[in-house]
Amino acid sequence: MKEFVTYPEKVSEFEFFYLKNIFAYQFGYDIADCVFDNSNSFFIQRSINTNRIRNILIDNNLFLVLRAQDNLFSLTLDSAKKIKMCSKPPRFRVIIPYDIAKVVRYSGNVFAKHVIEVDKSLRAGDQVIVVDGDDNIVAVGRLKLSAEEIIEYKRGVAVIVKERNKNEGNP
């Protein structure tokens, strides 16, 4: 099978600044300063066809994915852990009950009726961290509804889950 990205390469100072500013636009400067604290640990992979940055890696683990459609980041579990450390609940979070968290860890999306609390500043299409009541990461995904709609409707899919944390109780 052909790989569509290059081998990891060290991020240049300009690229680090570029990526940090995209992250700051998406999540805020305070979170960007916390997440992008050391440029020495960041590596990038480029698209073979366009030579544009696609993946950001830390210690050979996928950390962030730069989407081609809108030039914004998609989260992974590693980046969600770092954002969670840098922010207080419920910022960037959708909080669900423990019994639903057990189900979401293995399959399915998060429905609006199961959401206990949600960051009021989130809009439809934003990347979110799905957590249980103890702030343990359950999954990461994309909001399908805005925070207001989730609270108001109590129907339909609230978060389309992209990656799941199958280790129960681990942050």
Protein backbone atom coordinates (compact mmCIF):
# COMPACT_ATOMS: atom_id res chain seq x y z
CA MET A 1 0.00 0.00 0.00
CA LYS A 2 1.29 3.45 -0.91
CA GLU A 3 1.78 5.99 1.84
CA PHE A 4 0.27 9.41 1.20
CA VAL A 5 2.47 11.32 3.64
CA THR A 6 6.22 11.79 3.90
CA TYR A 7 8.49 10.51 6.64
CA PRO A 8 8.45 12.65 9.80
CA GLU A 9 10.69 15.70 9.66
CA LYS A 10 11.67 18.26 12.27
CA VAL A 11 9.43 21.32 12.30
CA SER A 12 11.12 24.60 11.33
CA GLU A 13 10.74 27.76 13.39
CA PHE A 14 8.40 29.29 10.79
CA GLU A 15 6.26 26.14 10.58
CA PHE A 16 6.07 25.95 14.38
CA PHE A 17 4.85 29.57 14.49
CA TYR A 18 2.37 28.85 11.66
CA LEU A 19 0.93 25.76 13.38
CA LYS A 20 0.78 27.47 16.77
CA ASN A 21 -1.21 30.35 15.27
CA ILE A 22 -3.70 28.02 13.60
CA PHE A 23 -4.12 26.27 16.95
CA ALA A 24 -4.52 29.63 18.72
CA TYR A 25 -7.21 30.66 16.23
CA GLN A 26 -9.08 27.42 16.87
CA PHE A 27 -8.61 27.01 20.66
CA GLY A 28 -7.28 30.33 22.00
CA TYR A 29 -3.83 31.76 22.71
CA ASP A 30 -3.72 30.53 26.32
CA ILE A 31 -4.21 26.91 25.24
CA ALA A 32 -1.82 27.30 22.28
CA ASP A 33 0.95 28.58 24.57
CA CYS A 34 0.45 25.59 26.85
CA VAL A 35 0.23 22.94 24.10
CA PHE A 36 2.97 24.35 21.83
CA ASP A 37 5.50 24.85 24.63
CA ASN A 38 8.58 23.28 23.03
CA SER A 39 9.30 23.21 19.30
CA ASN A 40 12.02 20.56 19.71
CA SER A 41 9.51 17.76 20.31
CA PHE A 42 7.33 18.44 17.24
CA PHE A 43 7.65 16.62 13.92
CA ILE A 44 5.52 17.00 10.80
CA GLN A 45 4.45 14.83 7.90
CA ARG A 46 3.61 16.36 4.54
CA SER A 47 1.25 15.28 1.78
CA ILE A 48 3.16 13.62 -1.04
CA ASN A 49 0.93 15.21 -3.68
CA THR A 50 0.75 18.81 -2.41
CA ASN A 51 3.74 19.02 -0.04
CA ARG A 52 1.47 20.67 2.55
CA ILE A 53 1.59 19.81 6.25
CA ARG A 54 -0.90 17.05 7.15
CA ASN A 55 0.14 15.50 10.48
CA ILE A 56 1.86 16.81 13.60
CA LEU A 57 3.64 14.17 15.66
CA ILE A 58 5.18 14.11 19.13
CA ASP A 59 7.46 11.17 20.02
CA ASN A 60 6.35 9.34 16.85
CA ASN A 61 2.70 9.49 17.98
CA LEU A 62 0.07 11.28 15.93
CA PHE A 63 -0.77 14.47 17.86
CA LEU A 64 -2.85 16.61 15.49
CA VAL A 65 -4.16 16.32 11.94
CA LEU A 66 -4.32 19.46 9.80
CA ARG A 67 -7.44 19.15 7.64
CA ALA A 68 -7.10 20.15 3.99
CA GLN A 69 -10.71 21.39 3.67
CA ASP A 70 -10.57 24.23 6.21
CA ASN A 71 -6.92 24.28 7.39
CA LEU A 72 -7.97 23.57 10.99
CA PHE A 73 -6.92 20.78 13.33
CA SER A 74 -8.64 17.51 14.12
CA LEU A 75 -7.88 16.24 17.60
CA THR A 76 -6.44 12.90 18.64
CA LEU A 77 -6.52 11.39 22.13
CA ASP A 78 -2.96 12.65 22.78
CA SER A 79 -3.84 16.23 21.89
CA ALA A 80 -7.07 15.96 23.91
CA LYS A 81 -5.06 14.97 26.99
CA LYS A 82 -2.80 18.00 26.55
CA ILE A 83 -5.75 20.38 26.02
CA LYS A 84 -7.48 18.90 29.07
CA MET A 85 -4.38 19.58 31.17
CA CYS A 86 -4.28 23.19 29.92
CA SER A 87 -7.96 24.06 30.46
CA LYS A 88 -10.53 23.89 33.22
CA PRO A 89 -13.82 21.99 32.84
CA PRO A 90 -16.13 22.37 30.95
CA ARG A 91 -13.97 24.23 28.40
CA PHE A 92 -13.82 22.30 25.08
CA ARG A 93 -15.68 19.44 26.76
CA VAL A 94 -18.96 17.58 26.47
CA ILE A 95 -19.73 15.83 29.76
CA ILE A 96 -21.76 12.61 29.69
CA PRO A 97 -22.89 10.14 32.43
CA TYR A 98 -20.77 7.11 33.39
CA ASP A 99 -23.17 4.52 31.97
CA ILE A 100 -23.24 6.26 28.58
CA ALA A 101 -19.45 6.71 28.71
CA LYS A 102 -19.04 2.92 28.92
CA VAL A 103 -21.02 2.53 25.69
CA VAL A 104 -19.33 5.43 23.83
CA ARG A 105 -15.88 4.01 24.67
CA TYR A 106 -16.61 1.09 22.34
CA SER A 107 -19.18 2.22 19.78
CA GLY A 108 -21.61 4.89 18.71
CA ASN A 109 -21.89 8.65 18.87
CA VAL A 110 -23.02 10.94 21.69
CA PHE A 111 -26.69 11.92 21.61
CA ALA A 112 -27.94 15.28 22.88
CA LYS A 113 -30.20 13.72 25.51
CA HIS A 114 -27.14 12.12 27.19
CA VAL A 115 -25.18 15.36 27.59
CA ILE A 116 -24.99 16.57 31.21
CA GLU A 117 -22.97 19.71 30.52
CA VAL A 118 -21.33 21.36 27.53
CA ASP A 119 -19.04 24.35 27.01
CA LYS A 120 -21.44 27.17 26.09
CA SER A 121 -18.95 28.77 23.69
CA LEU A 122 -18.82 25.74 21.36
CA ARG A 123 -20.43 25.85 17.91
CA ALA A 124 -21.46 23.17 15.47
CA GLY A 125 -18.39 21.76 13.72
CA ASP A 126 -15.98 22.44 16.60
CA GLN A 127 -13.61 19.74 17.84
CA VAL A 128 -14.52 18.57 21.36
CA ILE A 129 -13.36 16.26 24.12
CA VAL A 130 -16.02 13.89 25.44
CA VAL A 131 -15.50 13.24 29.17
CA ASP A 132 -17.34 11.47 31.98
CA GLY A 133 -18.31 13.02 35.31
CA ASP A 134 -14.77 12.62 36.72
CA ASP A 135 -13.24 14.44 33.71
CA ASN A 136 -11.77 11.21 32.28
CA ILE A 137 -11.46 11.33 28.50
CA VAL A 138 -13.94 9.03 26.78
CA ALA A 139 -13.49 10.14 23.17
CA VAL A 140 -12.77 13.03 20.83
CA GLY A 141 -15.01 14.16 18.03
CA ARG A 142 -16.83 16.90 16.16
CA LEU A 143 -19.93 18.72 17.38
CA LYS A 144 -22.94 18.24 15.14
CA LEU A 145 -25.08 20.74 17.10
CA SER A 146 -24.19 23.98 18.86
CA ALA A 147 -24.10 24.06 22.67
CA GLU A 148 -27.41 25.94 22.76
CA GLU A 149 -29.05 23.37 20.50
CA ILE A 150 -27.78 20.46 22.60
CA ILE A 151 -29.29 21.98 25.74
CA GLU A 152 -32.52 22.99 24.01
CA TYR A 153 -33.33 20.01 21.77
CA LYS A 154 -32.36 16.89 23.71
CA ARG A 155 -32.72 14.97 20.43
CA GLY A 156 -30.33 13.86 17.74
CA VAL A 157 -26.59 13.29 17.52
CA ALA A 158 -24.59 15.89 19.45
CA VAL A 159 -21.03 14.61 18.84
CA ILE A 160 -19.74 12.48 15.99
CA VAL A 161 -16.99 10.44 17.65
CA LYS A 162 -13.69 10.22 15.77
CA GLU A 163 -11.42 8.40 18.24
CA ARG A 164 -12.23 6.49 21.43
CA ASN A 165 -10.33 5.98 24.68
CA LYS A 166 -10.99 2.32 25.46
CA ASN A 167 -8.98 2.44 28.71
CA GLU A 168 -11.69 2.99 31.30
CA GLY A 169 -10.82 5.46 34.05
CA ASN A 170 -7.64 6.72 32.38
CA PRO A 171 -7.49 10.46 31.70
